[in-house]
C-alpha atoms as a PDB file:
ATOM      1  CA  MET A   1     -41.544-154.457  19.787  1.00  0.00           C
ATOM      2  CA  PRO A   2     -40.498-155.984  16.428  1.00  0.00           C
ATOM      3  CA  PHE A   3     -41.642-154.067  13.787  1.00  0.00           C
ATOM      4  CA  CYS A   4     -40.386-150.533  15.409  1.00  0.00           C
ATOM      5  CA  HIS A   5     -36.568-149.285  15.195  1.00  0.00           C
ATOM      6  CA  ILE A   6     -36.909-146.347  17.228  1.00  0.00           C
ATOM      7  CA  THR A   7     -34.011-146.050  19.642  1.00  0.00           C
ATOM      8  CA  LEU A   8     -35.429-143.147  22.628  1.00  0.00           C
ATOM      9  CA  LYS A   9     -32.288-141.403  23.953  1.00  0.00           C
ATOM     10  CA  THR A  10     -31.829-139.024  27.170  1.00  0.00           C
ATOM     11  CA  GLN A  11     -29.758-137.667  29.857  1.00  0.00           C
ATOM     12  CA  LYS A  12     -29.489-139.718  32.852  1.00  0.00           C
ATOM     13  CA  PRO A  13     -31.252-137.343  36.098  1.00  0.00           C
ATOM     14  CA  LEU A  14     -28.136-136.051  38.155  1.00  0.00           C
ATOM     15  CA  PRO A  15     -28.097-137.104  41.409  1.00  0.00           C
ATOM     16  CA  SER A  16     -30.336-135.044  43.941  1.00  0.00           C
ATOM     17  CA  ALA A  17     -26.690-134.486  45.455  1.00  0.00           C
ATOM     18  CA  TYR A  18     -25.980-132.693  42.174  1.00  0.00           C
ATOM     19  CA  PRO A  19     -25.938-128.632  43.257  1.00  0.00           C
ATOM     20  CA  ARG A  20     -28.685-126.915  40.852  1.00  0.00           C
ATOM     21  CA  THR A  21     -26.355-123.636  41.866  1.00  0.00           C
ATOM     22  CA  LEU A  22     -22.968-123.355  42.720  1.00  0.00           C
ATOM     23  CA  LYS A  23     -22.997-119.766  45.597  1.00  0.00           C
ATOM     24  CA  THR A  24     -20.282-121.397  47.422  1.00  0.00           C
ATOM     25  CA  LEU A  25     -17.128-123.302  47.780  1.00  0.00           C
ATOM     26  CA  GLY A  26     -18.568-126.314  49.538  1.00  0.00           C
ATOM     27  CA  ASP A  27     -21.206-126.643  45.972  1.00  0.00           C
ATOM     28  CA  HIS A  28     -18.415-126.009  43.701  1.00  0.00           C
ATOM     29  CA  LEU A  29     -16.573-128.938  45.328  1.00  0.00           C
ATOM     30  CA  ARG A  30     -19.455-131.128  45.307  1.00  0.00           C
ATOM     31  CA  LYS A  31     -20.326-131.081  41.777  1.00  0.00           C
ATOM     32  CA  ARG A  32     -16.848-131.632  40.448  1.00  0.00           C
ATOM     33  CA  ARG A  33     -16.857-134.595  43.554  1.00  0.00           C
ATOM     34  CA  LEU A  34     -19.464-135.817  41.994  1.00  0.00           C
ATOM     35  CA  ASP A  35     -18.330-135.225  37.979  1.00  0.00           C
ATOM     36  CA  LEU A  36     -14.485-137.479  38.294  1.00  0.00           C
ATOM     37  CA  LYS A  37     -17.343-139.826  40.534  1.00  0.00           C
ATOM     38  CA  LEU A  38     -15.358-139.625  43.298  1.00  0.00           C
ATOM     39  CA  LEU A  39     -16.183-140.723  46.962  1.00  0.00           C
ATOM     40  CA  GLN A  40     -15.967-138.469  49.498  1.00  0.00           C
ATOM     41  CA  LYS A  41     -13.024-141.170  51.354  1.00  0.00           C
ATOM     42  CA  GLU A  42     -11.194-140.447  47.953  1.00  0.00           C
ATOM     43  CA  LEU A  43     -11.790-136.856  48.254  1.00  0.00           C
ATOM     44  CA  ALA A  44      -9.755-136.149  50.943  1.00  0.00           C
ATOM     45  CA  GLN A  45      -7.624-138.157  50.784  1.00  0.00           C
ATOM     46  CA  LYS A  46      -6.264-136.312  47.668  1.00  0.00           C
ATOM     47  CA  ILE A  47      -6.404-133.232  49.710  1.00  0.00           C
ATOM     48  CA  GLY A  48      -4.967-134.464  53.291  1.00  0.00           C
ATOM     49  CA  VAL A  49      -7.975-134.615  55.551  1.00  0.00           C
ATOM     50  CA  CYS A  50     -10.639-135.983  56.710  1.00  0.00           C
ATOM     51  CA  VAL A  51     -14.024-137.404  55.563  1.00  0.00           C
ATOM     52  CA  SER A  52     -16.194-134.762  57.878  1.00  0.00           C
ATOM     53  CA  SER A  53     -14.429-132.303  56.259  1.00  0.00           C
ATOM     54  CA  ILE A  54     -15.535-132.902  52.534  1.00  0.00           C
ATOM     55  CA  TYR A  55     -19.098-133.960  54.486  1.00  0.00           C
ATOM     56  CA  SER A  56     -18.790-130.078  57.073  1.00  0.00           C
ATOM     57  CA  TRP A  57     -17.831-128.704  53.139  1.00  0.00           C
ATOM     58  CA  GLU A  58     -19.699-129.409  50.474  1.00  0.00           C
ATOM     59  CA  ASN A  59     -22.843-128.872  53.142  1.00  0.00           C
ATOM     60  CA  ASN A  60     -21.378-125.846  54.127  1.00  0.00           C
ATOM     61  CA  LEU A  61     -21.495-126.188  58.492  1.00  0.00           C
ATOM     62  CA  SER A  62     -17.690-125.086  58.237  1.00  0.00           C
ATOM     63  CA  ILE A  63     -15.345-123.799  55.421  1.00  0.00           C
ATOM     64  CA  PRO A  64     -11.818-125.074  54.981  1.00  0.00           C
ATOM     65  CA  ALA A  65      -9.277-124.105  56.882  1.00  0.00           C
ATOM     66  CA  ILE A  66      -6.408-121.283  54.916  1.00  0.00           C
ATOM     67  CA  LYS A  67      -3.760-124.729  54.674  1.00  0.00           C
ATOM     68  CA  HIS A  68      -6.515-126.224  52.618  1.00  0.00           C
ATOM     69  CA  ILE A  69      -7.192-123.719  49.805  1.00  0.00           C
ATOM     70  CA  PRO A  70      -4.373-123.790  47.530  1.00  0.00           C
ATOM     71  CA  LYS A  71      -5.132-128.618  46.933  1.00  0.00           C
ATOM     72  CA  ILE A  72      -8.683-127.420  47.048  1.00  0.00           C
ATOM     73  CA  ILE A  73      -8.486-124.756  44.183  1.00  0.00           C
ATOM     74  CA  GLU A  74      -6.167-127.840  42.753  1.00  0.00           C
ATOM     75  CA  PHE A  75      -8.703-130.378  42.926  1.00  0.00           C
ATOM     76  CA  GLN A  76     -10.796-128.251  41.215  1.00  0.00           C
ATOM     77  CA  GLY A  77      -8.881-126.498  38.170  1.00  0.00           C
ATOM     78  CA  TYR A  78     -10.122-123.395  38.726  1.00  0.00           C
ATOM     79  CA  VAL A  79     -10.846-120.117  41.251  1.00  0.00           C
ATOM     80  CA  PRO A  80     -14.527-119.919  41.663  1.00  0.00           C
ATOM     81  CA  LEU A  81     -14.503-116.707  42.679  1.00  0.00           C
ATOM     82  CA  ASP A  82     -15.189-113.580  40.801  1.00  0.00           C
ATOM     83  CA  THR A  83     -13.304-110.811  42.679  1.00  0.00           C
ATOM     84  CA  SER A  84     -13.415-107.929  39.856  1.00  0.00           C
ATOM     85  CA  ASN A  85     -16.324-105.998  42.282  1.00  0.00           C
ATOM     86  CA  LEU A  86     -15.478-106.376  45.595  1.00  0.00           C
ATOM     87  CA  PRO A  87     -13.857-103.873  47.946  1.00  0.00           C
ATOM     88  CA  ILE A  88      -9.818-103.948  47.628  1.00  0.00           C
ATOM     89  CA  GLY A  89      -9.262-105.408  51.348  1.00  0.00           C
ATOM     90  CA  GLU A  90     -12.657-107.987  50.720  1.00  0.00           C
ATOM     91  CA  LYS A  91     -10.136-109.364  47.400  1.00  0.00           C
ATOM     92  CA  ILE A  92      -6.541-108.585  49.643  1.00  0.00           C
ATOM     93  CA  VAL A  93      -8.598-111.240  51.981  1.00  0.00           C
ATOM     94  CA  ILE A  94      -9.486-114.003  49.153  1.00  0.00           C
ATOM     95  CA  TYR A  95      -6.427-113.824  47.838  1.00  0.00           C
ATOM     96  CA  ARG A  96      -4.588-114.570  50.911  1.00  0.00           C
ATOM     97  CA  HIS A  97      -6.132-117.725  51.266  1.00  0.00           C
ATOM     98  CA  LEU A  98      -6.216-118.205  47.941  1.00  0.00           C
ATOM     99  CA  LEU A  99      -1.683-118.547  48.472  1.00  0.00           C
ATOM    100  CA  GLY A 100      -2.822-120.276  52.248  1.00  0.00           C
ATOM    101  CA  LEU A 101      -1.322-117.177  53.876  1.00  0.00           C
ATOM    102  CA  SER A 102      -1.964-116.321  57.884  1.00  0.00           C
ATOM    103  CA  GLN A 103      -2.457-112.391  57.566  1.00  0.00           C
ATOM    104  CA  ARG A 104       1.306-112.841  59.345  1.00  0.00           C
ATOM    105  CA  LYS A 105       3.048-114.820  56.532  1.00  0.00           C
ATOM    106  CA  LEU A 106       1.496-111.817  54.009  1.00  0.00           C
ATOM    107  CA  ALA A 107       2.277-109.057  55.633  1.00  0.00           C
ATOM    108  CA  HIS A 108       5.385-110.482  55.824  1.00  0.00           C
ATOM    109  CA  GLN A 109       6.117-111.222  52.453  1.00  0.00           C
ATOM    110  CA  LEU A 110       4.847-107.657  51.848  1.00  0.00           C
ATOM    111  CA  GLY A 111       7.955-105.689  54.538  1.00  0.00           C
ATOM    112  CA  ILE A 112       4.215-104.208  56.200  1.00  0.00           C
ATOM    113  CA  ASP A 113       2.821-104.306  59.818  1.00  0.00           C
ATOM    114  CA  PRO A 114       0.301-107.423  60.623  1.00  0.00           C
ATOM    115  CA  SER A 115      -2.085-104.327  62.242  1.00  0.00           C
ATOM    116  CA  THR A 116      -1.805-102.524  58.954  1.00  0.00           C
ATOM    117  CA  LEU A 117      -2.552-105.411  56.797  1.00  0.00           C
ATOM    118  CA  SER A 118      -6.249-105.962  59.491  1.00  0.00           C
ATOM    119  CA  LYS A 119      -7.030-103.535  58.710  1.00  0.00           C
ATOM    120  CA  TRP A 120      -6.983-102.595  54.852  1.00  0.00           C
ATOM    121  CA  GLU A 121      -8.492-106.830  55.030  1.00  0.00           C
ATOM    122  CA  ARG A 122     -11.523-104.839  56.805  1.00  0.00           C
ATOM    123  CA  ASP A 123     -11.391-101.646  54.152  1.00  0.00           C
ATOM    124  CA  LYS A 124     -10.375 -99.292  57.464  1.00  0.00           C
ATOM    125  CA  ARG A 125      -7.724 -98.376  55.427  1.00  0.00           C
ATOM    126  CA  LYS A 126      -6.781 -98.237  52.260  1.00  0.00           C
ATOM    127  CA  PRO A 127      -3.353 -99.436  51.147  1.00  0.00           C
ATOM    128  CA  SER A 128      -0.401 -96.542  49.187  1.00  0.00           C
ATOM    129  CA  GLU A 129      -0.043 -97.406  44.824  1.00  0.00           C
ATOM    130  CA  ARG A 130       3.101 -99.107  46.197  1.00  0.00           C
ATOM    131  CA  PHE A 131       1.543-101.571  48.087  1.00  0.00           C
ATOM    132  CA  LEU A 132      -1.161-101.243  45.929  1.00  0.00           C
ATOM    133  CA  LYS A 133       1.766-102.566  43.026  1.00  0.00           C
ATOM    134  CA  ARG A 134       2.453-105.218  44.752  1.00  0.00           C
ATOM    135  CA  ILE A 135      -1.265-106.567  45.588  1.00  0.00           C
ATOM    136  CA  GLU A 136      -1.299-106.465  42.182  1.00  0.00           C
ATOM    137  CA  LYS A 137       1.617-108.819  41.572  1.00  0.00           C
ATOM    138  CA  MET A 138      -0.172-111.376  44.338  1.00  0.00           C
ATOM    139  CA  GLU A 139      -2.686-111.550  41.502  1.00  0.00           C
ATOM    140  CA  LEU A 140      -0.829-112.081  39.269  1.00  0.00           C
ATOM    141  CA  LEU A 141       1.284-115.121  40.695  1.00  0.00           C
ATOM    142  CA  LYS A 142      -2.054-116.389  41.729  1.00  0.00           C
ATOM    143  CA  GLU A 143      -3.132-116.523  37.989  1.00  0.00           C
ATOM    144  CA  LYS A 144      -0.106-118.549  37.100  1.00  0.00           C
ATOM    145  CA  MET A 145      -0.822-120.677  39.894  1.00  0.00           C
ATOM    146  CA  PHE A 146      -3.832-121.972  39.214  1.00  0.00           C
END
């Protein structure tokens, strides 16, 4: 109306595809992509995968291969996992994935047999203090990387 000088302002509603809660890596990935206004095709090019992989990850139909995790974390700008209350075996698996390493490669870096690492990851055996310190160094390396 010509005599009314009121302007209404509100936030634009979020797209229906926008995740309301961030529970999975796919949810975090979709949120970041939508925040940056990127298409799945553009994200696929950044990470070096096909568009169907991005679709599958965002819809929690599959999980990324270990080799893609470092690029995903780099795209995210943060590690979307809280490991503080997890058992040591699960922490080792997560750190290994974040570093993009297979069990064999991590076992080699730690100077242990891959079967020993496998037992640690399944919480069938506990690492000695010496190896716990090496694993803590891995955690510090991960924090510096991301």
